[in-house]
Amino acid sequence: MPETETDHTDHTGHDHAHHHAAPVEAIVIDHEGPPTEEEVRAVLQTVEDPELRMSIVDLGLLYGVTIEDDGLVSVDLTLTSPACPVGPMLQGMIYHKVAQLPNVMDVEVNLVWTPPWDPKTMASEDVKLALGIW
């Protein structure tokens, strides 16, 4: 059956289906209860900043993940700047991806401004090279 473009198109109209690591469906969870922090981070690795087209994890925008026994997952992240216009879109993408994991009852996506994002200290080496930060 042919894929439709709407299956993998984000709010900007770009098709991101084949540019990521494992899609959410490919992350195997073989235990009872809510996902582990590593499993949530693996899903968040597939979420890209729409402006920079890089993973929010690699950019260092993900500040923390908390998983409660009752299936509530809290994600703390920051944006490249407080004026960043894609904040609500990123929050929606994170909510949607994490909520698809087994035994997740609710997802809370919190924007955090402290400490301020600094790509020199928070981004991965690959991202720093791509952004021209030495």
C-alpha atoms as a PDB file:
ATOM      1  CA  MET A   1       0.000   0.000   0.000  1.00  0.00           C
ATOM      2  CA  PRO A   2       1.553   3.375  -0.947  1.00  0.00           C
ATOM      3  CA  GLU A   3       2.387   5.826   1.801  1.00  0.00           C
ATOM      4  CA  THR A   4       0.610   9.135   1.801  1.00  0.00           C
ATOM      5  CA  GLU A   5       2.570  12.291   2.418  1.00  0.00           C
ATOM      6  CA  THR A   6       0.374  13.226   5.346  1.00  0.00           C
ATOM      7  CA  ASP A   7       1.736  10.271   7.327  1.00  0.00           C
ATOM      8  CA  HIS A   8       5.081  11.973   7.843  1.00  0.00           C
ATOM      9  CA  THR A   9       4.595  15.669   7.153  1.00  0.00           C
ATOM     10  CA  ASP A  10       5.093  18.177   9.964  1.00  0.00           C
ATOM     11  CA  HIS A  11       3.372  21.533  10.407  1.00  0.00           C
ATOM     12  CA  THR A  12       5.787  23.240   8.033  1.00  0.00           C
ATOM     13  CA  GLY A  13       4.910  20.850   5.213  1.00  0.00           C
ATOM     14  CA  HIS A  14       8.329  19.142   5.196  1.00  0.00           C
ATOM     15  CA  ASP A  15       8.526  15.386   4.943  1.00  0.00           C
ATOM     16  CA  HIS A  16      10.832  14.163   7.714  1.00  0.00           C
ATOM     17  CA  ALA A  17      10.055  10.453   7.510  1.00  0.00           C
ATOM     18  CA  HIS A  18      13.412   9.199   6.319  1.00  0.00           C
ATOM     19  CA  HIS A  19      15.816  11.686   7.899  1.00  0.00           C
ATOM     20  CA  HIS A  20      15.679  10.409  11.466  1.00  0.00           C
ATOM     21  CA  ALA A  21      17.014   7.576  13.523  1.00  0.00           C
ATOM     22  CA  ALA A  22      14.419   4.974  14.458  1.00  0.00           C
ATOM     23  CA  PRO A  23      10.804   6.095  14.142  1.00  0.00           C
ATOM     24  CA  VAL A  24       8.699   5.859  17.296  1.00  0.00           C
ATOM     25  CA  GLU A  25       7.210   2.561  16.099  1.00  0.00           C
ATOM     26  CA  ALA A  26      10.678   0.999  15.852  1.00  0.00           C
ATOM     27  CA  ILE A  27      11.549   1.611  19.500  1.00  0.00           C
ATOM     28  CA  VAL A  28      10.904  -1.698  21.223  1.00  0.00           C
ATOM     29  CA  ILE A  29       9.732  -1.671  24.814  1.00  0.00           C
ATOM     30  CA  ASP A  30       9.694  -5.149  26.288  1.00  0.00           C
ATOM     31  CA  HIS A  31       8.809  -4.527  29.916  1.00  0.00           C
ATOM     32  CA  GLU A  32       5.760  -3.719  31.997  1.00  0.00           C
ATOM     33  CA  GLY A  33       4.998  -0.253  33.290  1.00  0.00           C
ATOM     34  CA  PRO A  34       5.895   3.165  31.926  1.00  0.00           C
ATOM     35  CA  PRO A  35       8.879   3.693  29.622  1.00  0.00           C
ATOM     36  CA  THR A  36      12.357   4.331  30.994  1.00  0.00           C
ATOM     37  CA  GLU A  37      14.115   7.674  30.682  1.00  0.00           C
ATOM     38  CA  GLU A  38      16.349   6.170  27.967  1.00  0.00           C
ATOM     39  CA  GLU A  39      13.293   5.078  25.962  1.00  0.00           C
ATOM     40  CA  VAL A  40      11.724   8.541  26.222  1.00  0.00           C
ATOM     41  CA  ARG A  41      15.040  10.146  25.201  1.00  0.00           C
ATOM     42  CA  ALA A  42      15.249   7.777  22.196  1.00  0.00           C
ATOM     43  CA  VAL A  43      11.842   9.020  21.019  1.00  0.00           C
ATOM     44  CA  LEU A  44      12.808  12.653  21.659  1.00  0.00           C
ATOM     45  CA  GLN A  45      15.949  12.121  19.547  1.00  0.00           C
ATOM     46  CA  THR A  46      13.551  12.028  16.551  1.00  0.00           C
ATOM     47  CA  VAL A  47      12.117  15.499  17.321  1.00  0.00           C
ATOM     48  CA  GLU A  48      13.843  18.216  15.291  1.00  0.00           C
ATOM     49  CA  ASP A  49      14.019  21.940  15.854  1.00  0.00           C
ATOM     50  CA  PRO A  50      12.136  23.118  12.744  1.00  0.00           C
ATOM     51  CA  GLU A  51      14.441  26.093  12.181  1.00  0.00           C
ATOM     52  CA  LEU A  52      17.800  24.367  12.646  1.00  0.00           C
ATOM     53  CA  ARG A  53      16.610  20.950  11.349  1.00  0.00           C
ATOM     54  CA  MET A  54      18.545  19.151  14.085  1.00  0.00           C
ATOM     55  CA  SER A  55      17.462  16.912  16.955  1.00  0.00           C
ATOM     56  CA  ILE A  56      16.428  18.717  20.140  1.00  0.00           C
ATOM     57  CA  VAL A  57      18.539  16.161  22.059  1.00  0.00           C
ATOM     58  CA  ASP A  58      21.670  16.832  19.969  1.00  0.00           C
ATOM     59  CA  LEU A  59      21.093  20.576  20.266  1.00  0.00           C
ATOM     60  CA  GLY A  60      21.049  20.277  24.057  1.00  0.00           C
ATOM     61  CA  LEU A  61      17.525  21.700  24.322  1.00  0.00           C
ATOM     62  CA  LEU A  62      16.289  18.744  26.400  1.00  0.00           C
ATOM     63  CA  TYR A  63      16.969  19.552  30.049  1.00  0.00           C
ATOM     64  CA  GLY A  64      15.283  16.622  31.752  1.00  0.00           C
ATOM     65  CA  VAL A  65      12.839  13.720  31.657  1.00  0.00           C
ATOM     66  CA  THR A  66      10.866  12.505  34.671  1.00  0.00           C
ATOM     67  CA  ILE A  67       8.674   9.408  34.617  1.00  0.00           C
ATOM     68  CA  GLU A  68       6.193   8.735  37.411  1.00  0.00           C
ATOM     69  CA  ASP A  69       5.020   5.204  38.265  1.00  0.00           C
ATOM     70  CA  ASP A  70       1.479   6.160  37.229  1.00  0.00           C
ATOM     71  CA  GLY A  71       2.612   6.855  33.645  1.00  0.00           C
ATOM     72  CA  LEU A  72       2.963  10.653  33.808  1.00  0.00           C
ATOM     73  CA  VAL A  73       5.995  11.731  31.779  1.00  0.00           C
ATOM     74  CA  SER A  74       7.373  15.246  32.309  1.00  0.00           C
ATOM     75  CA  VAL A  75       9.759  16.695  29.751  1.00  0.00           C
ATOM     76  CA  ASP A  76      11.746  19.858  30.518  1.00  0.00           C
ATOM     77  CA  LEU A  77      13.175  21.664  27.535  1.00  0.00           C
ATOM     78  CA  THR A  78      14.344  25.073  26.520  1.00  0.00           C
ATOM     79  CA  LEU A  79      14.317  26.876  23.201  1.00  0.00           C
ATOM     80  CA  THR A  80      17.172  28.479  21.298  1.00  0.00           C
ATOM     81  CA  SER A  81      15.808  31.839  22.519  1.00  0.00           C
ATOM     82  CA  PRO A  82      12.792  32.994  24.571  1.00  0.00           C
ATOM     83  CA  ALA A  83      11.441  34.660  21.424  1.00  0.00           C
ATOM     84  CA  CYS A  84      11.672  31.429  19.409  1.00  0.00           C
ATOM     85  CA  PRO A  85       8.359  31.185  17.504  1.00  0.00           C
ATOM     86  CA  VAL A  86       8.336  27.377  17.236  1.00  0.00           C
ATOM     87  CA  GLY A  87       7.941  26.694  20.972  1.00  0.00           C
ATOM     88  CA  PRO A  88       4.281  25.641  20.851  1.00  0.00           C
ATOM     89  CA  MET A  89       4.916  23.479  17.790  1.00  0.00           C
ATOM     90  CA  LEU A  90       7.858  21.728  19.463  1.00  0.00           C
ATOM     91  CA  GLN A  91       5.790  21.164  22.596  1.00  0.00           C
ATOM     92  CA  GLY A  92       3.049  19.589  20.489  1.00  0.00           C
ATOM     93  CA  MET A  93       5.512  17.331  18.648  1.00  0.00           C
ATOM     94  CA  ILE A  94       7.043  16.163  21.939  1.00  0.00           C
ATOM     95  CA  TYR A  95       3.624  15.538  23.483  1.00  0.00           C
ATOM     96  CA  HIS A  96       2.458  13.544  20.457  1.00  0.00           C
ATOM     97  CA  LYS A  97       5.575  11.331  20.236  1.00  0.00           C
ATOM     98  CA  VAL A  98       5.892  10.579  23.967  1.00  0.00           C
ATOM     99  CA  ALA A  99       2.142   9.949  24.346  1.00  0.00           C
ATOM    100  CA  GLN A 100       2.425   7.129  21.766  1.00  0.00           C
ATOM    101  CA  LEU A 101       4.749   5.119  24.014  1.00  0.00           C
ATOM    102  CA  PRO A 102       3.134   2.184  25.854  1.00  0.00           C
ATOM    103  CA  ASN A 103       1.794   2.849  29.364  1.00  0.00           C
ATOM    104  CA  VAL A 104       2.161   6.626  29.124  1.00  0.00           C
ATOM    105  CA  MET A 105      -0.977   8.089  30.695  1.00  0.00           C
ATOM    106  CA  ASP A 106      -0.141  11.779  30.246  1.00  0.00           C
ATOM    107  CA  VAL A 107       2.689  13.997  29.053  1.00  0.00           C
ATOM    108  CA  GLU A 108       3.689  17.344  30.512  1.00  0.00           C
ATOM    109  CA  VAL A 109       6.014  19.490  28.383  1.00  0.00           C
ATOM    110  CA  ASN A 110       7.580  22.311  30.393  1.00  0.00           C
ATOM    111  CA  LEU A 111       9.538  25.199  28.909  1.00  0.00           C
ATOM    112  CA  VAL A 112      12.519  26.061  31.098  1.00  0.00           C
ATOM    113  CA  TRP A 113      14.665  29.192  30.739  1.00  0.00           C
ATOM    114  CA  THR A 114      17.311  28.509  33.403  1.00  0.00           C
ATOM    115  CA  PRO A 115      20.042  27.928  32.549  1.00  0.00           C
ATOM    116  CA  PRO A 116      19.826  29.796  29.233  1.00  0.00           C
ATOM    117  CA  TRP A 117      20.649  27.608  26.228  1.00  0.00           C
ATOM    118  CA  ASP A 118      24.287  27.832  25.186  1.00  0.00           C
ATOM    119  CA  PRO A 119      25.242  25.716  22.175  1.00  0.00           C
ATOM    120  CA  LYS A 120      28.934  25.957  23.107  1.00  0.00           C
ATOM    121  CA  THR A 121      28.387  23.893  26.243  1.00  0.00           C
ATOM    122  CA  MET A 122      25.079  22.067  25.606  1.00  0.00           C
ATOM    123  CA  ALA A 123      25.099  20.947  21.973  1.00  0.00           C
ATOM    124  CA  SER A 124      26.736  17.758  20.697  1.00  0.00           C
ATOM    125  CA  GLU A 125      30.021  17.960  18.783  1.00  0.00           C
ATOM    126  CA  ASP A 126      28.217  17.225  15.480  1.00  0.00           C
ATOM    127  CA  VAL A 127      25.815  20.107  16.063  1.00  0.00           C
ATOM    128  CA  LYS A 128      28.631  22.491  16.968  1.00  0.00           C
ATOM    129  CA  LEU A 129      30.405  21.614  13.710  1.00  0.00           C
ATOM    130  CA  ALA A 130      27.184  22.067  11.726  1.00  0.00           C
ATOM    131  CA  LEU A 131      26.516  25.446  13.355  1.00  0.00           C
ATOM    132  CA  GLY A 132      30.127  26.589  12.919  1.00  0.00           C
ATOM    133  CA  ILE A 133      30.817  26.825  16.664  1.00  0.00           C
ATOM    134  CA  TRP A 134      34.422  26.049  17.550  1.00  0.00           C
END
